[in-house]
Amino acid sequence: MRGLGDHLSIGERIAFCRKRRGYTQEVLAGLVSRSTDWLAKIETGRRKPPHIDMLAESML
């Protein structure tokens, strides 16, 4: 994605990667133990993105 997504915000990058993997917001939100509404807000910039530590803990 180097070069391709340089103009994207963090939320837009999350959405791009989610769609590329074929995940719905419901699936990805479930994988990180959060609500679909929370993920939608992250992707649209209405909420700050999470720290990587929180995401890493959810993936264990």
C-alpha atoms as a PDB file:
ATOM      1  CA  MET A   1       0.000   0.000   0.000  1.00  0.00           C
ATOM      2  CA  ARG A   2       3.033   2.250   0.085  1.00  0.00           C
ATOM      3  CA  GLY A   3       2.356   5.218  -2.150  1.00  0.00           C
ATOM      4  CA  LEU A   4      -1.211   4.139  -2.854  1.00  0.00           C
ATOM      5  CA  GLY A   5      -2.691   5.220   0.463  1.00  0.00           C
ATOM      6  CA  ASP A   6      -0.421   8.102   1.384  1.00  0.00           C
ATOM      7  CA  HIS A   7      -3.320  10.536   1.059  1.00  0.00           C
ATOM      8  CA  LEU A   8      -5.719   8.471   3.206  1.00  0.00           C
ATOM      9  CA  SER A   9      -6.498   9.171   6.853  1.00  0.00           C
ATOM     10  CA  ILE A  10      -6.017   6.384   9.396  1.00  0.00           C
ATOM     11  CA  GLY A  11      -9.753   5.653   9.365  1.00  0.00           C
ATOM     12  CA  GLU A  12      -9.812   5.535   5.578  1.00  0.00           C
ATOM     13  CA  ARG A  13      -6.853   3.142   5.613  1.00  0.00           C
ATOM     14  CA  ILE A  14      -8.679   0.876   8.049  1.00  0.00           C
ATOM     15  CA  ALA A  15     -11.726   0.875   5.764  1.00  0.00           C
ATOM     16  CA  PHE A  16      -9.563   0.241   2.692  1.00  0.00           C
ATOM     17  CA  CYS A  17      -7.804  -2.733   4.286  1.00  0.00           C
ATOM     18  CA  ARG A  18     -11.083  -4.083   5.694  1.00  0.00           C
ATOM     19  CA  LYS A  19     -12.731  -4.015   2.283  1.00  0.00           C
ATOM     20  CA  ARG A  20      -9.660  -5.480   0.573  1.00  0.00           C
ATOM     21  CA  ARG A  21      -9.880  -8.476   2.910  1.00  0.00           C
ATOM     22  CA  GLY A  22     -13.603  -8.783   2.253  1.00  0.00           C
ATOM     23  CA  TYR A  23     -14.672  -8.041   5.840  1.00  0.00           C
ATOM     24  CA  THR A  24     -17.846  -6.201   6.716  1.00  0.00           C
ATOM     25  CA  GLN A  25     -17.785  -3.630   9.488  1.00  0.00           C
ATOM     26  CA  GLU A  26     -19.661  -6.145  11.647  1.00  0.00           C
ATOM     27  CA  VAL A  27     -16.973  -8.802  11.165  1.00  0.00           C
ATOM     28  CA  LEU A  28     -14.014  -6.507  11.809  1.00  0.00           C
ATOM     29  CA  ALA A  29     -15.689  -4.891  14.820  1.00  0.00           C
ATOM     30  CA  GLY A  30     -16.295  -8.352  16.258  1.00  0.00           C
ATOM     31  CA  LEU A  31     -12.654  -9.317  15.725  1.00  0.00           C
ATOM     32  CA  VAL A  32     -11.501  -6.373  17.864  1.00  0.00           C
ATOM     33  CA  SER A  33     -14.370  -6.782  20.377  1.00  0.00           C
ATOM     34  CA  ARG A  34     -15.999  -3.443  19.569  1.00  0.00           C
ATOM     35  CA  SER A  35     -19.354  -2.323  18.188  1.00  0.00           C
ATOM     36  CA  THR A  36     -20.097  -1.683  14.540  1.00  0.00           C
ATOM     37  CA  ASP A  37     -20.987   1.913  15.440  1.00  0.00           C
ATOM     38  CA  TRP A  38     -17.538   2.388  17.027  1.00  0.00           C
ATOM     39  CA  LEU A  39     -15.790   1.118  13.883  1.00  0.00           C
ATOM     40  CA  ALA A  40     -17.956   3.274  11.613  1.00  0.00           C
ATOM     41  CA  LYS A  41     -16.987   6.353  13.635  1.00  0.00           C
ATOM     42  CA  ILE A  42     -13.294   5.430  13.392  1.00  0.00           C
ATOM     43  CA  GLU A  43     -13.510   4.936   9.626  1.00  0.00           C
ATOM     44  CA  THR A  44     -15.302   8.240   9.054  1.00  0.00           C
ATOM     45  CA  GLY A  45     -13.090  10.293  11.372  1.00  0.00           C
ATOM     46  CA  ARG A  46     -15.779  11.063  13.944  1.00  0.00           C
ATOM     47  CA  ARG A  47     -13.721   9.283  16.596  1.00  0.00           C
ATOM     48  CA  LYS A  48      -9.972   9.057  17.182  1.00  0.00           C
ATOM     49  CA  PRO A  49      -8.408   5.803  16.037  1.00  0.00           C
ATOM     50  CA  PRO A  50      -7.425   3.328  18.744  1.00  0.00           C
ATOM     51  CA  HIS A  51      -3.891   2.831  19.972  1.00  0.00           C
ATOM     52  CA  ILE A  52      -2.179  -0.169  18.423  1.00  0.00           C
ATOM     53  CA  ASP A  53      -1.852  -1.734  21.891  1.00  0.00           C
ATOM     54  CA  MET A  54      -5.643  -2.011  22.196  1.00  0.00           C
ATOM     55  CA  LEU A  55      -5.914  -3.671  18.813  1.00  0.00           C
ATOM     56  CA  ALA A  56      -3.036  -6.036  19.527  1.00  0.00           C
ATOM     57  CA  GLU A  57      -4.641  -7.132  22.816  1.00  0.00           C
ATOM     58  CA  SER A  58      -7.903  -7.863  21.007  1.00  0.00           C
ATOM     59  CA  MET A  59      -6.151 -10.094  18.509  1.00  0.00           C
ATOM     60  CA  LEU A  60      -4.617 -12.400  21.175  1.00  0.00           C
END
